């Protein structure tokens, strides 16, 4: 298996779209304030302890709606050349905790993938390439920092357009180093078929970190900045 395939399998379900967390539940000690009263999350991404890029999110209020913008960029080098390049951008519009619109673009080693979604009267339509499917319920994407995320049984992957079953369970209480300080954290496991990861949250359910082991045994980590 090549380096590119190894990393892609690890992140194909992991670097997915942002969703909103109600502002009343968001803790400023964890999430940095953004412009116009919005909020931002910035993560350094490590592969086997080496920095390979970043993933950041921004939440913007827009009247009774919320707009979430995410951007990720990875580069894995081998000797003197880039063995793997990954770019992901996504913009989502939310109302009353349900996804209203999605525009996601992913590029992996020059290959582009696009996922578009929109709310209609009968459900949420997801378009990938020339295919369309309709989900007849309130849709949530992979919202790692949202307390409601931890209660979901199905989530929409913005990279592939798949609406996948998930199992999310608490594992243990631990101490986790965040921004140079040890803080109390609860570790959760997430199982989504091919995707298996560990997530850390504060006792108030604020997202603190993430780890996933690739099939090649490499460790992918998100470190909150």
Protein backbone atom coordinates (compact mmCIF):
# COMPACT_ATOMS: atom_id res chain seq x y z
CA UNK A 1 0.00 0.00 0.00
CA UNK A 2 1.39 3.44 -0.92
CA UNK A 3 1.77 6.32 1.52
CA UNK A 4 -1.01 8.17 -0.31
CA UNK A 5 -3.49 5.29 -0.04
CA UNK A 6 -2.66 4.76 3.63
CA UNK A 7 -3.34 8.37 4.55
CA UNK A 8 -6.42 8.64 2.33
CA UNK A 9 -8.07 5.68 4.02
CA UNK A 10 -7.47 7.31 7.38
CA UNK A 11 -9.01 10.66 6.43
CA UNK A 12 -11.69 9.68 3.90
CA UNK A 13 -14.29 9.75 6.64
CA UNK A 14 -12.49 11.95 9.12
CA UNK A 15 -11.96 15.33 7.44
CA UNK A 16 -15.62 16.01 6.96
CA UNK A 17 -17.85 18.99 7.13
CA UNK A 18 -18.44 21.26 10.04
CA UNK A 19 -21.83 21.75 11.65
CA UNK A 20 -23.15 24.20 14.17
CA UNK A 21 -23.08 23.94 17.92
CA UNK A 22 -25.67 26.16 19.61
CA UNK A 23 -23.93 29.29 20.85
CA UNK A 24 -25.39 28.87 24.32
CA UNK A 25 -23.42 25.63 24.77
CA UNK A 26 -20.15 26.80 23.27
CA UNK A 27 -17.35 27.45 25.75
CA UNK A 28 -15.02 30.38 24.96
CA UNK A 29 -12.22 28.72 26.93
CA UNK A 30 -11.92 26.14 24.15
CA UNK A 31 -13.18 27.90 21.03
CA UNK A 32 -11.52 31.11 19.89
CA UNK A 33 -13.71 34.08 19.08
CA UNK A 34 -13.99 34.93 15.41
CA UNK A 35 -15.09 38.05 13.61
CA UNK A 36 -18.65 39.42 13.85
CA UNK A 37 -19.42 37.34 16.94
CA UNK A 38 -18.60 34.04 15.26
CA UNK A 39 -16.30 31.28 16.51
CA UNK A 40 -13.25 29.50 15.18
CA UNK A 41 -11.53 26.15 15.76
CA UNK A 42 -7.97 25.56 14.52
CA UNK A 43 -6.22 22.19 14.59
CA UNK A 44 -2.68 21.18 13.78
CA UNK A 45 -2.69 17.77 12.05
CA UNK A 46 0.09 15.28 12.81
CA UNK A 47 0.99 11.95 11.20
CA UNK A 48 3.21 9.80 13.44
CA UNK A 49 4.10 12.98 15.35
CA UNK A 50 5.13 14.98 12.27
CA UNK A 51 3.09 18.00 11.22
CA UNK A 52 1.43 17.49 7.82
CA UNK A 53 -1.04 20.38 7.74
CA UNK A 54 -4.05 21.98 9.36
CA UNK A 55 -7.84 21.85 9.59
CA UNK A 56 -9.80 24.92 10.64
CA UNK A 57 -13.46 25.78 11.02
CA UNK A 58 -15.40 29.03 11.31
CA UNK A 59 -18.99 29.51 12.51
CA UNK A 60 -20.76 32.69 11.34
CA UNK A 61 -24.20 33.89 12.44
CA UNK A 62 -26.51 34.93 9.60
CA UNK A 63 -29.84 36.02 11.04
CA UNK A 64 -31.78 32.93 12.14
CA UNK A 65 -29.31 30.75 10.23
CA UNK A 66 -25.71 29.70 10.82
CA UNK A 67 -22.99 29.33 8.20
CA UNK A 68 -20.05 27.01 8.81
CA UNK A 69 -16.89 27.14 6.71
CA UNK A 70 -14.12 24.54 6.93
CA UNK A 71 -10.74 24.24 5.22
CA UNK A 72 -8.06 21.56 5.40
CA UNK A 73 -4.68 21.14 3.72
CA UNK A 74 -2.27 18.18 4.09
CA UNK A 75 1.06 17.38 2.48
CA UNK A 76 2.92 14.13 3.22
CA UNK A 77 6.52 14.14 2.00
CA UNK A 78 8.66 11.12 1.19
CA UNK A 79 12.36 11.79 0.69
CA UNK A 80 12.43 14.91 -1.51
CA UNK A 81 8.97 14.89 -3.09
CA UNK A 82 5.33 15.24 -2.05
CA UNK A 83 3.92 11.71 -1.88
CA UNK A 84 0.44 12.84 -0.94
CA UNK A 85 -1.50 16.11 -1.18
CA UNK A 86 -4.97 16.73 0.20
CA UNK A 87 -7.14 19.86 0.02
CA UNK A 88 -10.69 20.12 1.39
CA UNK A 89 -13.10 23.04 1.62
CA UNK A 90 -16.73 23.08 2.61
CA UNK A 91 -19.48 25.57 3.34
CA UNK A 92 -22.72 24.63 5.08
CA UNK A 93 -25.90 26.50 5.97
CA UNK A 94 -27.90 25.41 9.04
CA UNK A 95 -31.28 26.20 10.55
CA UNK A 96 -32.79 24.74 13.77
CA UNK A 97 -30.02 22.15 14.03
CA UNK A 98 -30.65 20.72 10.55
CA UNK A 99 -28.47 21.02 7.46
CA UNK A 100 -30.01 23.25 4.77
CA UNK A 101 -27.25 23.47 2.17
CA UNK A 102 -23.79 22.03 1.56
CA UNK A 103 -21.05 22.79 -1.00
CA UNK A 104 -17.94 20.64 -0.52
CA UNK A 105 -14.87 20.23 -2.70
CA UNK A 106 -12.02 17.78 -2.08
CA UNK A 107 -8.82 17.31 -4.09
CA UNK A 108 -6.58 14.29 -3.51
CA UNK A 109 -3.34 14.15 -5.51
CA UNK A 110 -4.97 16.19 -8.29
CA UNK A 111 -8.25 14.24 -8.36
CA UNK A 112 -11.31 16.38 -7.55
CA UNK A 113 -14.43 15.22 -5.72
CA UNK A 114 -17.52 17.41 -5.23
CA UNK A 115 -20.57 16.94 -2.98
CA UNK A 116 -23.58 19.26 -3.11
CA UNK A 117 -26.59 19.14 -0.80
CA UNK A 118 -29.82 21.10 -0.43
CA UNK A 119 -32.95 20.97 1.66
CA UNK A 120 -36.24 20.47 -0.23
CA UNK A 121 -39.80 19.94 0.96
CA UNK A 122 -39.47 16.14 1.12
CA UNK A 123 -35.96 15.89 2.59
CA UNK A 124 -32.30 16.63 1.96
CA UNK A 125 -30.94 15.96 -1.54
CA UNK A 126 -27.29 14.91 -1.88
CA UNK A 127 -25.58 15.09 -5.30
CA UNK A 128 -22.23 13.42 -6.04
CA UNK A 129 -21.16 13.52 -9.67
CA UNK A 130 -24.21 12.56 -11.72
CA UNK A 131 -25.96 10.73 -8.87
CA UNK A 132 -28.57 12.08 -6.45
CA UNK A 133 -30.15 10.64 -3.31
CA UNK A 134 -32.69 12.03 -0.83
CA UNK A 135 -32.54 11.68 2.95
CA UNK A 136 -36.01 12.04 4.46
CA UNK A 137 -35.00 13.34 7.90
CA UNK A 138 -33.08 16.10 9.67
CA UNK A 139 -29.46 15.63 8.54
CA UNK A 140 -26.31 16.21 10.59
CA UNK A 141 -22.76 15.95 9.26
CA UNK A 142 -19.72 14.83 11.29
CA UNK A 143 -19.97 17.55 13.98
CA UNK A 144 -17.12 16.59 16.29
CA UNK A 145 -17.44 19.69 18.50
CA UNK A 146 -21.25 19.59 18.86
CA UNK A 147 -22.79 17.91 21.93
CA UNK A 148 -25.60 16.63 19.67
CA UNK A 149 -23.00 14.87 17.53
CA UNK A 150 -22.33 12.37 20.33
CA UNK A 151 -25.97 11.21 20.25
CA UNK A 152 -26.26 10.53 16.50
CA UNK A 153 -26.77 7.15 14.84
CA UNK A 154 -26.16 8.31 11.25
CA UNK A 155 -23.99 11.12 9.85
CA UNK A 156 -23.43 12.62 6.40
CA UNK A 157 -19.89 12.47 5.01
CA UNK A 158 -19.26 15.65 3.02
CA UNK A 159 -16.35 14.08 1.12
CA UNK A 160 -18.27 11.13 -0.31
CA UNK A 161 -21.96 12.04 0.13
CA UNK A 162 -22.55 8.82 2.07
CA UNK A 163 -25.05 8.80 4.95
CA UNK A 164 -23.31 6.32 7.21
CA UNK A 165 -24.37 4.51 10.40
CA UNK A 166 -22.16 5.32 13.40
CA UNK A 167 -21.69 4.10 16.95
CA UNK A 168 -20.31 6.62 19.46
CA UNK A 169 -19.63 5.51 23.04
CA UNK A 170 -17.79 6.94 26.10
CA UNK A 171 -14.68 4.95 27.02
CA UNK A 172 -12.88 6.55 29.99
CA UNK A 173 -12.07 9.72 31.91
CA UNK A 174 -8.52 10.95 31.28
CA UNK A 175 -6.15 13.89 31.47
CA UNK A 176 -5.34 15.43 28.08
CA UNK A 177 -2.75 18.09 27.27
CA UNK A 178 -4.44 21.03 25.53
CA UNK A 179 -2.43 24.15 24.67
CA UNK A 180 0.34 23.07 27.03
CA UNK A 181 -1.90 22.33 30.02
CA UNK A 182 -3.43 19.10 31.28
CA UNK A 183 -7.23 19.23 31.41
CA UNK A 184 -9.93 16.75 32.37
CA UNK A 185 -11.29 14.90 29.37
CA UNK A 186 -13.67 12.10 28.45
CA UNK A 187 -12.54 9.78 25.67
CA UNK A 188 -15.14 8.46 23.22
CA UNK A 189 -14.80 5.81 20.53
CA UNK A 190 -16.40 6.28 17.12
CA UNK A 191 -17.05 3.32 14.82
CA UNK A 192 -18.32 4.03 11.30
CA UNK A 193 -17.43 0.82 9.50
CA UNK A 194 -14.05 1.49 7.86
CA UNK A 195 -13.54 4.53 10.06
CA UNK A 196 -12.46 3.96 13.67
CA UNK A 197 -11.24 6.79 15.89
CA UNK A 198 -10.86 8.16 19.41
CA UNK A 199 -12.29 11.55 20.39
CA UNK A 200 -11.68 13.64 23.51
CA UNK A 201 -14.16 16.05 25.09
CA UNK A 202 -14.24 18.18 28.22
CA UNK A 203 -16.82 17.31 30.92
CA UNK A 204 -18.94 20.05 29.27
CA UNK A 205 -18.67 18.15 25.96
CA UNK A 206 -16.34 20.59 24.22
CA UNK A 207 -14.25 18.93 21.51
CA UNK A 208 -10.55 18.76 22.52
CA UNK A 209 -8.82 16.29 20.22
CA UNK A 210 -8.92 13.31 17.89
CA UNK A 211 -6.82 10.29 16.92
CA UNK A 212 -7.17 7.64 14.23
CA UNK A 213 -4.85 4.74 13.37
CA UNK A 214 -4.49 3.96 9.68
CA UNK A 215 -4.54 0.44 8.28
CA UNK A 216 -0.81 0.82 7.79
CA UNK A 217 -0.40 1.45 11.53
CA UNK A 218 0.26 5.20 11.27
CA UNK A 219 -1.24 7.57 13.85
CA UNK A 220 -3.20 10.62 12.68
CA UNK A 221 -3.83 13.28 15.36
CA UNK A 222 -5.70 16.58 15.64
CA UNK A 223 -4.11 19.03 18.13
CA UNK A 224 -6.14 22.06 19.17
CA UNK A 225 -4.27 25.36 18.76
